[in-house]
Amino acid sequence: MKKNNGHVSRRRNDMNYALAAMEQLELYCEAHPRSPVAVRRPRLFVRGELWIALLGPSVEEGIVGIGPTVTAALRAFDAQYLAGLRPPAEMIRECGAVRSVSSSVA
């Protein structure tokens, strides 16, 4: 390990941290092979004390899962991904109202 002014190089520690996170991602995918994480493989990164799983160009524009651990972020990602596939409750009610009006006309 390199030392800079008495400090151990952070780069090597960061690499070990990233490898451990990738191992956790692989274990999650093995345990949940049909999950959105396993199928879509979001990028994983850490900001401060939080892990972020991201699919898309940015947190604002993509699908994101955030958590205090890699697994928590991956679970949150799965939940957000699946929530995006379901229509909002308002649309379900509107579609039901449209169907009932259509069926009464016929």
N, C-alpha and C. Protein backbone atom coordinates (compact mmCIF):
# COMPACT_ATOMS: atom_id res chain seq x y z
N MET A 1 0.83 -1.19 0.00
CA MET A 1 0.00 0.00 0.00
C MET A 1 0.87 1.25 0.00
N LYS A 2 0.48 2.23 -0.75
CA LYS A 2 1.21 3.49 -0.79
C LYS A 2 0.84 4.35 0.40
N LYS A 3 1.81 5.12 0.84
CA LYS A 3 1.53 6.08 1.89
C LYS A 3 1.83 7.47 1.36
N ASN A 4 0.96 8.38 1.64
CA ASN A 4 1.14 9.77 1.27
C ASN A 4 1.08 10.60 2.53
N ASN A 5 2.19 11.16 2.90
CA ASN A 5 2.25 11.97 4.12
C ASN A 5 1.69 11.23 5.33
N GLY A 6 2.01 9.95 5.45
CA GLY A 6 1.55 9.19 6.60
C GLY A 6 0.15 8.62 6.47
N HIS A 7 -0.55 8.87 5.37
CA HIS A 7 -1.90 8.35 5.16
C HIS A 7 -1.86 7.18 4.20
N VAL A 8 -2.57 6.11 4.54
CA VAL A 8 -2.65 4.96 3.66
C VAL A 8 -3.49 5.36 2.45
N SER A 9 -3.07 4.93 1.28
CA SER A 9 -3.78 5.27 0.05
C SER A 9 -5.23 4.81 0.13
N ARG A 10 -6.13 5.71 -0.12
CA ARG A 10 -7.56 5.42 -0.07
C ARG A 10 -8.01 4.65 -1.31
N ARG A 11 -7.25 4.76 -2.38
CA ARG A 11 -7.63 4.14 -3.65
C ARG A 11 -7.77 2.63 -3.51
N ARG A 12 -6.82 1.99 -2.85
CA ARG A 12 -6.87 0.54 -2.68
C ARG A 12 -8.06 0.14 -1.81
N ASN A 13 -8.33 0.90 -0.77
CA ASN A 13 -9.48 0.62 0.09
C ASN A 13 -10.79 0.78 -0.69
N ASP A 14 -10.86 1.78 -1.54
CA ASP A 14 -12.05 2.00 -2.38
C ASP A 14 -12.26 0.83 -3.34
N MET A 15 -11.18 0.28 -3.87
CA MET A 15 -11.28 -0.85 -4.79
C MET A 15 -11.83 -2.07 -4.05
N ASN A 16 -11.36 -2.32 -2.84
CA ASN A 16 -11.86 -3.44 -2.04
C ASN A 16 -13.34 -3.25 -1.73
N TYR A 17 -13.72 -2.03 -1.43
CA TYR A 17 -15.11 -1.67 -1.12
C TYR A 17 -16.00 -1.94 -2.34
N ALA A 18 -15.52 -1.54 -3.52
CA ALA A 18 -16.28 -1.75 -4.75
C ALA A 18 -16.41 -3.24 -5.07
N LEU A 19 -15.34 -4.00 -4.87
CA LEU A 19 -15.41 -5.45 -5.12
C LEU A 19 -16.40 -6.12 -4.18
N ALA A 20 -16.41 -5.72 -2.92
CA ALA A 20 -17.36 -6.28 -1.96
C ALA A 20 -18.80 -5.93 -2.37
N ALA A 21 -19.02 -4.73 -2.86
CA ALA A 21 -20.36 -4.31 -3.30
C ALA A 21 -20.78 -5.15 -4.52
N MET A 22 -19.87 -5.39 -5.44
CA MET A 22 -20.19 -6.19 -6.62
C MET A 22 -20.51 -7.64 -6.23
N GLU A 23 -19.81 -8.16 -5.23
CA GLU A 23 -20.12 -9.50 -4.73
C GLU A 23 -21.53 -9.55 -4.15
N GLN A 24 -21.88 -8.52 -3.39
CA GLN A 24 -23.23 -8.45 -2.81
C GLN A 24 -24.28 -8.36 -3.92
N LEU A 25 -23.99 -7.62 -4.96
CA LEU A 25 -24.90 -7.52 -6.10
C LEU A 25 -25.09 -8.89 -6.74
N GLU A 26 -24.00 -9.61 -6.95
CA GLU A 26 -24.09 -10.94 -7.57
C GLU A 26 -24.89 -11.90 -6.68
N LEU A 27 -24.66 -11.86 -5.37
CA LEU A 27 -25.41 -12.72 -4.46
C LEU A 27 -26.90 -12.39 -4.49
N TYR A 28 -27.23 -11.11 -4.56
CA TYR A 28 -28.63 -10.68 -4.65
C TYR A 28 -29.26 -11.21 -5.93
N CYS A 29 -28.53 -11.11 -7.03
CA CYS A 29 -29.05 -11.58 -8.32
C CYS A 29 -29.24 -13.10 -8.32
N GLU A 30 -28.35 -13.82 -7.68
CA GLU A 30 -28.50 -15.27 -7.58
C GLU A 30 -29.73 -15.64 -6.75
N ALA A 31 -29.96 -14.88 -5.68
CA ALA A 31 -31.11 -15.14 -4.80
C ALA A 31 -32.43 -14.69 -5.42
N HIS A 32 -32.37 -13.70 -6.31
CA HIS A 32 -33.57 -13.13 -6.95
C HIS A 32 -33.35 -13.06 -8.47
N PRO A 33 -33.26 -14.21 -9.14
CA PRO A 33 -32.86 -14.21 -10.55
C PRO A 33 -33.82 -13.54 -11.51
N ARG A 34 -35.08 -13.38 -11.15
CA ARG A 34 -36.04 -12.75 -12.06
C ARG A 34 -36.39 -11.32 -11.63
N SER A 35 -35.65 -10.80 -10.65
CA SER A 35 -35.92 -9.45 -10.16
C SER A 35 -35.46 -8.41 -11.17
N PRO A 36 -35.99 -7.19 -11.08
CA PRO A 36 -35.52 -6.12 -11.96
C PRO A 36 -34.00 -5.89 -11.85
N VAL A 37 -33.45 -6.02 -10.65
CA VAL A 37 -32.01 -5.86 -10.48
C VAL A 37 -31.26 -6.89 -11.30
N ALA A 38 -31.67 -8.15 -11.23
CA ALA A 38 -30.98 -9.21 -11.96
C ALA A 38 -31.11 -9.05 -13.46
N VAL A 39 -32.27 -8.59 -13.91
CA VAL A 39 -32.52 -8.45 -15.35
C VAL A 39 -31.89 -7.17 -15.91
N ARG A 40 -32.03 -6.07 -15.20
CA ARG A 40 -31.59 -4.77 -15.73
C ARG A 40 -30.20 -4.34 -15.30
N ARG A 41 -29.68 -4.89 -14.22
CA ARG A 41 -28.32 -4.61 -13.71
C ARG A 41 -28.03 -3.11 -13.57
N PRO A 42 -28.66 -2.46 -12.58
CA PRO A 42 -28.39 -1.04 -12.37
C PRO A 42 -26.96 -0.80 -11.91
N ARG A 43 -26.48 0.41 -12.12
CA ARG A 43 -25.16 0.79 -11.60
C ARG A 43 -25.27 0.97 -10.10
N LEU A 44 -24.20 0.66 -9.39
CA LEU A 44 -24.17 0.78 -7.93
C LEU A 44 -23.09 1.78 -7.55
N PHE A 45 -23.42 2.71 -6.67
CA PHE A 45 -22.40 3.59 -6.13
C PHE A 45 -22.81 4.04 -4.74
N VAL A 46 -21.86 4.63 -4.03
CA VAL A 46 -22.10 5.05 -2.66
C VAL A 46 -21.88 6.55 -2.56
N ARG A 47 -22.74 7.21 -1.82
CA ARG A 47 -22.63 8.64 -1.54
C ARG A 47 -22.78 8.82 -0.05
N GLY A 48 -21.71 9.18 0.61
CA GLY A 48 -21.75 9.32 2.06
C GLY A 48 -22.01 7.97 2.69
N GLU A 49 -23.10 7.86 3.41
CA GLU A 49 -23.47 6.62 4.09
C GLU A 49 -24.53 5.82 3.34
N LEU A 50 -24.89 6.25 2.14
CA LEU A 50 -25.97 5.60 1.39
C LEU A 50 -25.49 4.95 0.11
N TRP A 51 -26.04 3.77 -0.17
CA TRP A 51 -25.80 3.08 -1.43
C TRP A 51 -26.91 3.45 -2.40
N ILE A 52 -26.56 3.58 -3.66
CA ILE A 52 -27.51 3.97 -4.70
C ILE A 52 -27.42 2.97 -5.85
N ALA A 53 -28.56 2.42 -6.23
CA ALA A 53 -28.67 1.57 -7.41
C ALA A 53 -29.42 2.40 -8.45
N LEU A 54 -28.82 2.63 -9.60
CA LEU A 54 -29.37 3.55 -10.59
C LEU A 54 -29.41 2.93 -11.98
N LEU A 55 -30.56 3.05 -12.61
CA LEU A 55 -30.72 2.69 -14.02
C LEU A 55 -31.18 3.96 -14.73
N GLY A 56 -30.35 4.48 -15.58
CA GLY A 56 -30.69 5.72 -16.28
C GLY A 56 -29.56 6.72 -16.17
N PRO A 57 -29.76 7.88 -16.77
CA PRO A 57 -28.70 8.88 -16.83
C PRO A 57 -28.43 9.60 -15.50
N SER A 58 -29.45 9.71 -14.65
CA SER A 58 -29.27 10.42 -13.39
C SER A 58 -30.35 9.99 -12.40
N VAL A 59 -30.17 10.36 -11.16
CA VAL A 59 -31.16 10.05 -10.13
C VAL A 59 -32.49 10.71 -10.46
N GLU A 60 -32.43 11.92 -11.02
CA GLU A 60 -33.65 12.65 -11.36
C GLU A 60 -34.41 12.03 -12.54
N GLU A 61 -33.68 11.43 -13.48
CA GLU A 61 -34.31 10.93 -14.70
C GLU A 61 -34.43 9.41 -14.76
N GLY A 62 -33.80 8.70 -13.84
CA GLY A 62 -33.78 7.25 -13.93
C GLY A 62 -34.62 6.58 -12.86
N ILE A 63 -34.43 5.28 -12.75
CA ILE A 63 -35.04 4.50 -11.69
C ILE A 63 -33.96 4.29 -10.65
N VAL A 64 -34.28 4.59 -9.40
CA VAL A 64 -33.26 4.60 -8.37
C VAL A 64 -33.74 3.89 -7.11
N GLY A 65 -32.81 3.22 -6.46
CA GLY A 65 -33.05 2.63 -5.15
C GLY A 65 -31.95 3.11 -4.23
N ILE A 66 -32.32 3.57 -3.04
CA ILE A 66 -31.34 4.11 -2.10
C ILE A 66 -31.52 3.41 -0.77
N GLY A 67 -30.39 3.05 -0.14
CA GLY A 67 -30.46 2.39 1.15
C GLY A 67 -29.14 2.43 1.88
N PRO A 68 -29.15 2.09 3.17
CA PRO A 68 -27.93 2.13 3.97
C PRO A 68 -26.97 0.96 3.67
N THR A 69 -27.46 -0.06 2.97
CA THR A 69 -26.62 -1.19 2.57
C THR A 69 -26.85 -1.46 1.09
N VAL A 70 -25.97 -2.24 0.49
CA VAL A 70 -26.15 -2.61 -0.91
C VAL A 70 -27.48 -3.33 -1.10
N THR A 71 -27.75 -4.29 -0.23
CA THR A 71 -28.99 -5.06 -0.34
C THR A 71 -30.21 -4.17 -0.20
N ALA A 72 -30.19 -3.24 0.73
CA ALA A 72 -31.32 -2.32 0.91
C ALA A 72 -31.53 -1.47 -0.34
N ALA A 73 -30.46 -1.00 -0.95
CA ALA A 73 -30.58 -0.20 -2.17
C ALA A 73 -31.13 -1.03 -3.31
N LEU A 74 -30.72 -2.29 -3.40
CA LEU A 74 -31.21 -3.17 -4.47
C LEU A 74 -32.69 -3.49 -4.27
N ARG A 75 -33.09 -3.73 -3.03
CA ARG A 75 -34.51 -3.96 -2.75
C ARG A 75 -35.34 -2.73 -3.10
N ALA A 76 -34.83 -1.56 -2.73
CA ALA A 76 -35.53 -0.31 -3.03
C ALA A 76 -35.63 -0.11 -4.54
N PHE A 77 -34.57 -0.46 -5.27
CA PHE A 77 -34.60 -0.37 -6.73
C PHE A 77 -35.69 -1.27 -7.29
N ASP A 78 -35.74 -2.52 -6.83
CA ASP A 78 -36.77 -3.45 -7.30
C ASP A 78 -38.16 -2.88 -7.06
N ALA A 79 -38.38 -2.33 -5.87
CA ALA A 79 -39.69 -1.76 -5.53
C ALA A 79 -40.03 -0.59 -6.44
N GLN A 80 -39.08 0.30 -6.70
CA GLN A 80 -39.33 1.45 -7.57
C GLN A 80 -39.58 1.02 -9.01
N TYR A 81 -38.82 0.05 -9.47
CA TYR A 81 -38.98 -0.44 -10.84
C TYR A 81 -40.37 -1.03 -11.02
N LEU A 82 -40.77 -1.88 -10.08
CA LEU A 82 -42.08 -2.52 -10.19
C LEU A 82 -43.22 -1.51 -10.00
N ALA A 83 -43.03 -0.52 -9.15
CA ALA A 83 -44.05 0.52 -8.97
C ALA A 83 -44.26 1.30 -10.26
N GLY A 84 -43.20 1.48 -11.04
CA GLY A 84 -43.31 2.19 -12.31
C GLY A 84 -44.08 1.42 -13.36
N LEU A 85 -44.20 0.11 -13.19
CA LEU A 85 -44.95 -0.71 -14.14
C LEU A 85 -46.44 -0.71 -13.87
N ARG A 86 -46.83 -0.39 -12.65
CA ARG A 86 -48.25 -0.39 -12.27
C ARG A 86 -48.84 0.98 -12.56
N PRO A 87 -50.04 1.01 -13.12
CA PRO A 87 -50.68 2.32 -13.33
C PRO A 87 -51.11 2.91 -11.99
N PRO A 88 -51.08 4.22 -11.88
CA PRO A 88 -51.55 4.85 -10.65
C PRO A 88 -53.02 4.50 -10.39
N ALA A 89 -53.42 4.52 -9.12
CA ALA A 89 -54.79 4.17 -8.74
C ALA A 89 -55.81 5.06 -9.45
N GLU A 90 -55.48 6.32 -9.69
CA GLU A 90 -56.41 7.23 -10.36
C GLU A 90 -56.72 6.75 -11.77
N MET A 91 -55.69 6.26 -12.47
CA MET A 91 -55.91 5.78 -13.84
C MET A 91 -56.76 4.53 -13.83
N ILE A 92 -56.58 3.68 -12.84
CA ILE A 92 -57.38 2.46 -12.76
C ILE A 92 -58.85 2.84 -12.58
N ARG A 93 -59.11 3.81 -11.70
CA ARG A 93 -60.49 4.25 -11.49
C ARG A 93 -61.06 4.86 -12.76
N GLU A 94 -60.26 5.68 -13.46
CA GLU A 94 -60.75 6.30 -14.70
C GLU A 94 -61.05 5.25 -15.74
N CYS A 95 -60.19 4.25 -15.86
CA CYS A 95 -60.43 3.18 -16.85
C CYS A 95 -61.69 2.41 -16.48
N GLY A 96 -61.89 2.18 -15.21
CA GLY A 96 -63.11 1.49 -14.77
C GLY A 96 -64.34 2.32 -15.10
N ALA A 97 -64.28 3.63 -14.92
CA ALA A 97 -65.41 4.51 -15.21
C ALA A 97 -65.67 4.52 -16.72
N VAL A 98 -64.62 4.53 -17.52
CA VAL A 98 -64.78 4.53 -18.96
C VAL A 98 -65.44 3.22 -19.41
N ARG A 99 -64.97 2.11 -18.85
CA ARG A 99 -65.55 0.82 -19.23
C ARG A 99 -67.03 0.77 -18.87
N SER A 100 -67.41 1.28 -17.70
CA SER A 100 -68.80 1.18 -17.30
C SER A 100 -69.68 2.07 -18.18
N VAL A 101 -69.16 3.22 -18.60
CA VAL A 101 -69.92 4.09 -19.50
C VAL A 101 -70.04 3.43 -20.86
N SER A 102 -68.94 2.84 -21.36
CA SER A 102 -68.96 2.18 -22.67
C SER A 102 -69.92 1.02 -22.68
N SER A 103 -69.91 0.21 -21.62
CA SER A 103 -70.76 -0.96 -21.60
C SER A 103 -72.25 -0.58 -21.47
N SER A 104 -72.55 0.57 -20.87
CA SER A 104 -73.94 0.96 -20.75
C SER A 104 -74.48 1.53 -22.05
N VAL A 105 -73.57 2.04 -22.91
CA VAL A 105 -73.96 2.60 -24.20
C VAL A 105 -74.30 1.47 -25.16
N ALA A 106 -73.57 0.40 -25.11
CA ALA A 106 -73.76 -0.70 -26.06
C ALA A 106 -74.98 -1.44 -25.78
